[in-house]
Amino acid sequence: MGEEINGFREEPAAIYDENGNPLADYDNDARTWGMVCHLSGAVVIFGVPLLHILGPLAIWTWKRGEYAFVDDQGKEALNFQISMGLYGLVGWVLTIIFIGWLILGMLIIVNIILIIIAASKAKRGEAYRYPFNLRLIR
């Protein structure tokens, strides 16, 4: 492991792919915790309100000071789960006119698919940005 600089463990500098997207050669622990931040949002399939937000929040809070990559990906995962929660609230309100059930079903499917994509990219050390994400926590 590298030295600590400004409270973060020293990690290798970012490199870029052919599209100009940043890739990083972070150590395995940082990539694993970044992946776990994303995967912890998958508890949405259990249907427990707010649980999909608490998982990323807990991991991000616990590991953000240790790894810059986890700080970045934890915020991204947390913002996405908060966004999905807000979209789900709109869907729940719209269940009155049936379309809400369709919206809720689509949100769960999209949520799971994007979590899998984000987790796989995080495991490779690639910073992932979710579409439709309200970046409330910076």
N, C-alpha and C. Protein backbone atom coordinates (compact mmCIF):
# COMPACT_ATOMS: atom_id res chain seq x y z
N MET A 1 0.83 -1.18 0.00
CA MET A 1 0.00 0.00 0.00
C MET A 1 0.87 1.24 0.00
N GLY A 2 0.38 2.31 -0.58
CA GLY A 2 1.14 3.54 -0.67
C GLY A 2 1.03 4.39 0.58
N GLU A 3 1.69 5.53 0.53
CA GLU A 3 1.66 6.47 1.65
C GLU A 3 0.32 7.20 1.69
N GLU A 4 0.02 7.77 2.88
CA GLU A 4 -1.19 8.58 2.98
C GLU A 4 -0.85 10.03 2.65
N ILE A 5 -1.66 10.63 1.79
CA ILE A 5 -1.49 12.03 1.41
C ILE A 5 -2.84 12.71 1.59
N ASN A 6 -2.88 13.77 2.41
CA ASN A 6 -4.13 14.49 2.68
C ASN A 6 -5.24 13.58 3.14
N GLY A 7 -4.92 12.59 3.95
CA GLY A 7 -5.93 11.71 4.51
C GLY A 7 -6.34 10.56 3.60
N PHE A 8 -5.82 10.49 2.38
CA PHE A 8 -6.15 9.41 1.46
C PHE A 8 -4.91 8.57 1.21
N ARG A 9 -5.14 7.30 1.00
CA ARG A 9 -4.05 6.44 0.62
C ARG A 9 -3.59 6.80 -0.78
N GLU A 10 -2.29 6.86 -0.98
CA GLU A 10 -1.76 7.18 -2.31
C GLU A 10 -2.18 6.09 -3.28
N GLU A 11 -2.75 6.50 -4.39
CA GLU A 11 -3.18 5.56 -5.41
C GLU A 11 -2.58 5.98 -6.74
N PRO A 12 -2.39 5.07 -7.65
CA PRO A 12 -1.79 5.42 -8.94
C PRO A 12 -2.62 6.47 -9.68
N ALA A 13 -1.96 7.24 -10.51
CA ALA A 13 -2.63 8.29 -11.29
C ALA A 13 -3.58 7.66 -12.30
N ALA A 14 -4.58 8.44 -12.68
CA ALA A 14 -5.58 7.96 -13.63
C ALA A 14 -4.97 7.81 -15.03
N ILE A 15 -5.47 6.84 -15.74
CA ILE A 15 -5.15 6.68 -17.16
C ILE A 15 -6.46 6.76 -17.91
N TYR A 16 -6.42 6.89 -19.23
CA TYR A 16 -7.64 7.11 -19.99
C TYR A 16 -7.78 6.08 -21.10
N ASP A 17 -9.04 5.69 -21.38
CA ASP A 17 -9.29 4.75 -22.47
C ASP A 17 -9.37 5.50 -23.80
N GLU A 18 -9.73 4.77 -24.87
CA GLU A 18 -9.76 5.37 -26.20
C GLU A 18 -10.81 6.45 -26.36
N ASN A 19 -11.82 6.49 -25.47
CA ASN A 19 -12.87 7.50 -25.54
C ASN A 19 -12.61 8.69 -24.62
N GLY A 20 -11.46 8.67 -23.94
CA GLY A 20 -11.14 9.75 -23.02
C GLY A 20 -11.72 9.58 -21.64
N ASN A 21 -12.34 8.42 -21.36
CA ASN A 21 -12.90 8.15 -20.04
C ASN A 21 -11.78 7.76 -19.09
N PRO A 22 -11.82 8.29 -17.87
CA PRO A 22 -10.74 7.97 -16.94
C PRO A 22 -10.82 6.52 -16.47
N LEU A 23 -9.70 5.86 -16.51
CA LEU A 23 -9.54 4.53 -15.93
C LEU A 23 -8.51 4.68 -14.83
N ALA A 24 -8.51 3.83 -13.88
CA ALA A 24 -7.53 3.95 -12.81
C ALA A 24 -7.01 2.58 -12.45
N ASP A 25 -5.77 2.55 -12.09
CA ASP A 25 -5.15 1.31 -11.65
C ASP A 25 -5.13 1.32 -10.13
N TYR A 26 -6.30 1.42 -9.52
CA TYR A 26 -6.40 1.44 -8.07
C TYR A 26 -6.08 0.05 -7.53
N ASP A 27 -5.71 0.01 -6.26
CA ASP A 27 -5.43 -1.30 -5.69
C ASP A 27 -6.72 -2.10 -5.56
N ASN A 28 -6.57 -3.38 -5.37
CA ASN A 28 -7.71 -4.29 -5.36
C ASN A 28 -8.72 -3.95 -4.27
N ASP A 29 -8.27 -3.51 -3.11
CA ASP A 29 -9.20 -3.16 -2.03
C ASP A 29 -10.09 -1.99 -2.42
N ALA A 30 -9.50 -0.96 -3.01
CA ALA A 30 -10.30 0.20 -3.43
C ALA A 30 -11.33 -0.20 -4.47
N ARG A 31 -10.92 -1.02 -5.44
CA ARG A 31 -11.86 -1.45 -6.48
C ARG A 31 -12.96 -2.32 -5.89
N THR A 32 -12.60 -3.20 -4.97
CA THR A 32 -13.60 -4.08 -4.35
C THR A 32 -14.62 -3.27 -3.56
N TRP A 33 -14.16 -2.31 -2.74
CA TRP A 33 -15.10 -1.51 -1.97
C TRP A 33 -15.94 -0.61 -2.87
N GLY A 34 -15.36 -0.13 -3.97
CA GLY A 34 -16.15 0.63 -4.93
C GLY A 34 -17.26 -0.21 -5.53
N MET A 35 -16.93 -1.48 -5.84
CA MET A 35 -17.92 -2.40 -6.38
C MET A 35 -19.01 -2.68 -5.35
N VAL A 36 -18.61 -2.88 -4.09
CA VAL A 36 -19.58 -3.18 -3.03
C VAL A 36 -20.53 -2.00 -2.81
N CYS A 37 -20.01 -0.77 -2.95
CA CYS A 37 -20.89 0.42 -2.83
C CYS A 37 -22.04 0.33 -3.83
N HIS A 38 -21.70 -0.03 -5.06
CA HIS A 38 -22.74 -0.13 -6.09
C HIS A 38 -23.67 -1.31 -5.80
N LEU A 39 -23.11 -2.48 -5.49
CA LEU A 39 -23.92 -3.68 -5.28
C LEU A 39 -24.84 -3.57 -4.07
N SER A 40 -24.46 -2.79 -3.09
CA SER A 40 -25.30 -2.67 -1.89
C SER A 40 -26.65 -2.02 -2.21
N GLY A 41 -26.74 -1.33 -3.31
CA GLY A 41 -28.03 -0.76 -3.73
C GLY A 41 -28.98 -1.80 -4.29
N ALA A 42 -28.47 -2.99 -4.60
CA ALA A 42 -29.31 -4.04 -5.20
C ALA A 42 -30.31 -4.62 -4.22
N VAL A 43 -30.24 -4.24 -2.96
CA VAL A 43 -31.23 -4.73 -2.00
C VAL A 43 -32.61 -4.17 -2.30
N VAL A 44 -32.70 -3.31 -3.31
CA VAL A 44 -33.99 -2.78 -3.74
C VAL A 44 -34.95 -3.91 -4.12
N ILE A 45 -34.41 -5.06 -4.52
CA ILE A 45 -35.28 -6.17 -4.92
C ILE A 45 -36.06 -6.76 -3.75
N PHE A 46 -35.63 -6.46 -2.50
CA PHE A 46 -36.35 -6.95 -1.34
C PHE A 46 -37.56 -6.09 -1.00
N GLY A 47 -37.65 -4.91 -1.62
CA GLY A 47 -38.82 -4.05 -1.45
C GLY A 47 -38.90 -3.31 -0.13
N VAL A 48 -37.83 -3.30 0.66
CA VAL A 48 -37.85 -2.58 1.93
C VAL A 48 -37.52 -1.10 1.66
N PRO A 49 -38.41 -0.20 2.00
CA PRO A 49 -38.17 1.22 1.72
C PRO A 49 -36.87 1.73 2.35
N LEU A 50 -36.13 2.48 1.58
CA LEU A 50 -34.89 3.15 1.96
C LEU A 50 -33.69 2.22 2.20
N LEU A 51 -33.87 0.93 2.20
CA LEU A 51 -32.75 0.02 2.41
C LEU A 51 -31.72 0.14 1.29
N HIS A 52 -32.19 0.40 0.07
CA HIS A 52 -31.27 0.55 -1.06
C HIS A 52 -30.42 1.82 -0.94
N ILE A 53 -30.83 2.75 -0.10
CA ILE A 53 -30.05 3.97 0.14
C ILE A 53 -29.08 3.75 1.30
N LEU A 54 -29.50 3.01 2.30
CA LEU A 54 -28.67 2.81 3.48
C LEU A 54 -27.41 2.00 3.20
N GLY A 55 -27.47 1.04 2.28
CA GLY A 55 -26.29 0.24 1.96
C GLY A 55 -25.15 1.09 1.40
N PRO A 56 -25.38 1.82 0.30
CA PRO A 56 -24.32 2.68 -0.22
C PRO A 56 -23.88 3.76 0.78
N LEU A 57 -24.83 4.28 1.56
CA LEU A 57 -24.50 5.31 2.55
C LEU A 57 -23.54 4.75 3.60
N ALA A 58 -23.84 3.56 4.10
CA ALA A 58 -23.00 2.96 5.14
C ALA A 58 -21.59 2.68 4.63
N ILE A 59 -21.48 2.09 3.47
CA ILE A 59 -20.16 1.75 2.93
C ILE A 59 -19.38 3.00 2.57
N TRP A 60 -20.04 3.97 1.95
CA TRP A 60 -19.37 5.22 1.58
C TRP A 60 -18.87 5.93 2.84
N THR A 61 -19.71 6.03 3.86
CA THR A 61 -19.33 6.69 5.10
C THR A 61 -18.15 5.98 5.77
N TRP A 62 -18.15 4.67 5.73
CA TRP A 62 -17.13 3.86 6.40
C TRP A 62 -15.79 3.92 5.68
N LYS A 63 -15.78 3.89 4.34
CA LYS A 63 -14.54 3.75 3.58
C LYS A 63 -14.10 4.99 2.80
N ARG A 64 -14.88 6.06 2.81
CA ARG A 64 -14.54 7.21 1.97
C ARG A 64 -13.23 7.89 2.37
N GLY A 65 -12.88 7.87 3.62
CA GLY A 65 -11.64 8.49 4.06
C GLY A 65 -10.41 7.65 3.77
N GLU A 66 -10.62 6.40 3.45
CA GLU A 66 -9.52 5.48 3.20
C GLU A 66 -9.11 5.42 1.73
N TYR A 67 -10.10 5.52 0.84
CA TYR A 67 -9.83 5.39 -0.60
C TYR A 67 -10.57 6.49 -1.37
N ALA A 68 -9.84 7.24 -2.18
CA ALA A 68 -10.46 8.29 -3.00
C ALA A 68 -11.45 7.68 -4.00
N PHE A 69 -11.14 6.49 -4.53
CA PHE A 69 -12.02 5.83 -5.49
C PHE A 69 -13.36 5.48 -4.83
N VAL A 70 -13.32 5.01 -3.60
CA VAL A 70 -14.55 4.66 -2.88
C VAL A 70 -15.34 5.93 -2.56
N ASP A 71 -14.64 7.01 -2.25
CA ASP A 71 -15.32 8.28 -2.01
C ASP A 71 -16.11 8.70 -3.25
N ASP A 72 -15.46 8.62 -4.40
CA ASP A 72 -16.11 9.00 -5.66
C ASP A 72 -17.25 8.06 -6.02
N GLN A 73 -17.00 6.78 -6.03
CA GLN A 73 -18.02 5.81 -6.44
C GLN A 73 -19.12 5.67 -5.41
N GLY A 74 -18.79 5.85 -4.14
CA GLY A 74 -19.81 5.81 -3.09
C GLY A 74 -20.80 6.95 -3.24
N LYS A 75 -20.29 8.15 -3.53
CA LYS A 75 -21.19 9.29 -3.77
C LYS A 75 -22.06 9.04 -4.98
N GLU A 76 -21.45 8.48 -6.02
CA GLU A 76 -22.20 8.20 -7.25
C GLU A 76 -23.31 7.18 -6.98
N ALA A 77 -22.98 6.10 -6.28
CA ALA A 77 -23.97 5.06 -5.97
C ALA A 77 -25.07 5.61 -5.05
N LEU A 78 -24.68 6.38 -4.05
CA LEU A 78 -25.65 6.97 -3.13
C LEU A 78 -26.58 7.94 -3.85
N ASN A 79 -26.01 8.82 -4.67
CA ASN A 79 -26.85 9.75 -5.43
C ASN A 79 -27.82 9.01 -6.35
N PHE A 80 -27.34 7.93 -6.97
CA PHE A 80 -28.21 7.17 -7.86
C PHE A 80 -29.35 6.52 -7.08
N GLN A 81 -29.05 5.94 -5.94
CA GLN A 81 -30.11 5.29 -5.17
C GLN A 81 -31.11 6.32 -4.61
N ILE A 82 -30.62 7.50 -4.23
CA ILE A 82 -31.54 8.56 -3.81
C ILE A 82 -32.42 8.97 -5.00
N SER A 83 -31.80 9.12 -6.17
CA SER A 83 -32.57 9.47 -7.38
C SER A 83 -33.63 8.42 -7.67
N MET A 84 -33.24 7.15 -7.62
CA MET A 84 -34.20 6.07 -7.90
C MET A 84 -35.31 6.06 -6.85
N GLY A 85 -34.98 6.38 -5.61
CA GLY A 85 -36.00 6.48 -4.58
C GLY A 85 -37.01 7.58 -4.88
N LEU A 86 -36.51 8.71 -5.34
CA LEU A 86 -37.41 9.82 -5.70
C LEU A 86 -38.27 9.46 -6.90
N TYR A 87 -37.66 8.82 -7.92
CA TYR A 87 -38.43 8.38 -9.08
C TYR A 87 -39.47 7.34 -8.66
N GLY A 88 -39.08 6.47 -7.74
CA GLY A 88 -40.02 5.46 -7.23
C GLY A 88 -41.18 6.08 -6.49
N LEU A 89 -40.92 7.16 -5.76
CA LEU A 89 -41.99 7.86 -5.05
C LEU A 89 -43.00 8.42 -6.05
N VAL A 90 -42.50 8.98 -7.15
CA VAL A 90 -43.39 9.48 -8.20
C VAL A 90 -44.20 8.31 -8.78
N GLY A 91 -43.53 7.18 -9.03
CA GLY A 91 -44.23 5.99 -9.54
C GLY A 91 -45.28 5.51 -8.58
N TRP A 92 -44.96 5.52 -7.30
CA TRP A 92 -45.92 5.07 -6.28
C TRP A 92 -47.16 5.95 -6.27
N VAL A 93 -46.95 7.26 -6.38
CA VAL A 93 -48.08 8.19 -6.43
C VAL A 93 -48.92 7.92 -7.68
N LEU A 94 -48.26 7.58 -8.78
CA LEU A 94 -48.99 7.35 -10.03
C LEU A 94 -49.66 5.97 -10.10
N THR A 95 -49.50 5.15 -9.07
CA THR A 95 -50.20 3.86 -9.08
C THR A 95 -51.71 4.07 -9.03
N ILE A 96 -52.13 5.24 -8.64
CA ILE A 96 -53.56 5.57 -8.63
C ILE A 96 -54.14 5.44 -10.03
N ILE A 97 -53.35 5.78 -11.04
CA ILE A 97 -53.84 5.68 -12.42
C ILE A 97 -53.12 4.55 -13.18
N PHE A 98 -52.77 3.51 -12.49
CA PHE A 98 -52.19 2.28 -13.02
C PHE A 98 -50.80 2.44 -13.63
N ILE A 99 -50.51 3.52 -14.32
CA ILE A 99 -49.21 3.69 -14.98
C ILE A 99 -48.07 3.60 -13.98
N GLY A 100 -48.35 3.92 -12.73
CA GLY A 100 -47.33 3.85 -11.69
C GLY A 100 -46.76 2.46 -11.51
N TRP A 101 -47.60 1.42 -11.65
CA TRP A 101 -47.10 0.04 -11.51
C TRP A 101 -46.09 -0.28 -12.60
N LEU A 102 -46.37 0.21 -13.79
CA LEU A 102 -45.43 0.01 -14.90
C LEU A 102 -44.12 0.76 -14.64
N ILE A 103 -44.23 1.98 -14.15
CA ILE A 103 -43.05 2.78 -13.83
C ILE A 103 -42.22 2.11 -12.74
N LEU A 104 -42.88 1.64 -11.69
CA LEU A 104 -42.16 0.98 -10.59
C LEU A 104 -41.44 -0.27 -11.07
N GLY A 105 -42.09 -1.06 -11.88
CA GLY A 105 -41.46 -2.27 -12.42
C GLY A 105 -40.26 -1.94 -13.28
N MET A 106 -40.40 -0.94 -14.14
CA MET A 106 -39.29 -0.54 -15.00
C MET A 106 -38.14 0.03 -14.18
N LEU A 107 -38.44 0.79 -13.14
CA LEU A 107 -37.40 1.36 -12.28
C LEU A 107 -36.56 0.27 -11.62
N ILE A 108 -37.21 -0.77 -11.13
CA ILE A 108 -36.48 -1.86 -10.48
C ILE A 108 -35.57 -2.56 -11.48
N ILE A 109 -36.07 -2.83 -12.67
CA ILE A 109 -35.26 -3.51 -13.69
C ILE A 109 -34.08 -2.64 -14.11
N VAL A 110 -34.34 -1.36 -14.38
CA VAL A 110 -33.26 -0.44 -14.78
C VAL A 110 -32.24 -0.30 -13.65
N ASN A 111 -32.72 -0.20 -12.43
CA ASN A 111 -31.84 -0.07 -11.27
C ASN A 111 -30.88 -1.26 -11.19
N ILE A 112 -31.40 -2.46 -11.29
CA ILE A 112 -30.57 -3.67 -11.19
C ILE A 112 -29.57 -3.73 -12.34
N ILE A 113 -30.01 -3.45 -13.55
CA ILE A 113 -29.11 -3.50 -14.71
C ILE A 113 -27.98 -2.49 -14.55
N LEU A 114 -28.31 -1.26 -14.17
CA LEU A 114 -27.27 -0.24 -14.03
C LEU A 114 -26.33 -0.52 -12.86
N ILE A 115 -26.85 -1.12 -11.80
CA ILE A 115 -25.99 -1.51 -10.67
C ILE A 115 -24.97 -2.55 -11.12
N ILE A 116 -25.41 -3.52 -11.90
CA ILE A 116 -24.49 -4.56 -12.39
C ILE A 116 -23.41 -3.94 -13.28
N ILE A 117 -23.80 -3.03 -14.17
CA ILE A 117 -22.84 -2.36 -15.04
C ILE A 117 -21.84 -1.56 -14.19
N ALA A 118 -22.35 -0.79 -13.24
CA ALA A 118 -21.49 0.05 -12.40
C ALA A 118 -20.54 -0.79 -11.57
N ALA A 119 -21.04 -1.89 -11.00
CA ALA A 119 -20.19 -2.75 -10.17
C ALA A 119 -19.07 -3.38 -10.99
N SER A 120 -19.38 -3.82 -12.19
CA SER A 120 -18.35 -4.45 -13.02
C SER A 120 -17.29 -3.42 -13.45
N LYS A 121 -17.73 -2.20 -13.74
CA LYS A 121 -16.75 -1.16 -14.11
C LYS A 121 -15.91 -0.76 -12.90
N ALA A 122 -16.53 -0.65 -11.74
CA ALA A 122 -15.78 -0.30 -10.52
C ALA A 122 -14.75 -1.37 -10.20
N LYS A 123 -15.09 -2.62 -10.40
CA LYS A 123 -14.14 -3.70 -10.12
C LYS A 123 -12.93 -3.62 -11.05
N ARG A 124 -13.13 -3.06 -12.25
CA ARG A 124 -12.00 -2.86 -13.18
C ARG A 124 -11.25 -1.57 -12.88
N GLY A 125 -11.73 -0.78 -11.91
CA GLY A 125 -11.07 0.47 -11.57
C GLY A 125 -11.54 1.65 -12.39
N GLU A 126 -12.65 1.48 -13.07
CA GLU A 126 -13.20 2.51 -13.94
C GLU A 126 -14.28 3.28 -13.18
N ALA A 127 -14.17 4.59 -13.14
CA ALA A 127 -15.17 5.42 -12.48
C ALA A 127 -16.43 5.42 -13.34
N TYR A 128 -17.56 5.02 -12.76
CA TYR A 128 -18.82 4.93 -13.51
C TYR A 128 -19.72 6.10 -13.15
N ARG A 129 -20.40 6.64 -14.13
CA ARG A 129 -21.40 7.69 -13.93
C ARG A 129 -22.74 7.18 -14.41
N TYR A 130 -23.71 7.15 -13.50
CA TYR A 130 -25.05 6.68 -13.82
C TYR A 130 -25.79 7.71 -14.67
N PRO A 131 -26.60 7.23 -15.64
CA PRO A 131 -27.49 8.17 -16.33
C PRO A 131 -28.68 8.49 -15.43
N PHE A 132 -29.36 9.56 -15.67
CA PHE A 132 -30.56 9.97 -14.92
C PHE A 132 -30.26 10.20 -13.44
N ASN A 133 -29.02 10.52 -13.10
CA ASN A 133 -28.61 10.64 -11.72
C ASN A 133 -28.68 12.10 -11.26
N LEU A 134 -29.40 12.33 -10.18
CA LEU A 134 -29.42 13.67 -9.55
C LEU A 134 -28.22 13.71 -8.61
N ARG A 135 -27.26 14.53 -8.87
CA ARG A 135 -26.05 14.57 -8.04
C ARG A 135 -26.30 15.51 -6.86
N LEU A 136 -26.95 14.99 -5.84
CA LEU A 136 -27.33 15.77 -4.66
C LEU A 136 -26.18 15.87 -3.66
N ILE A 137 -25.38 14.83 -3.58
CA ILE A 137 -24.23 14.81 -2.66
C ILE A 137 -22.99 14.98 -3.53
N ARG A 138 -22.21 16.00 -3.21
CA ARG A 138 -21.02 16.28 -4.03
C ARG A 138 -19.77 16.03 -3.27
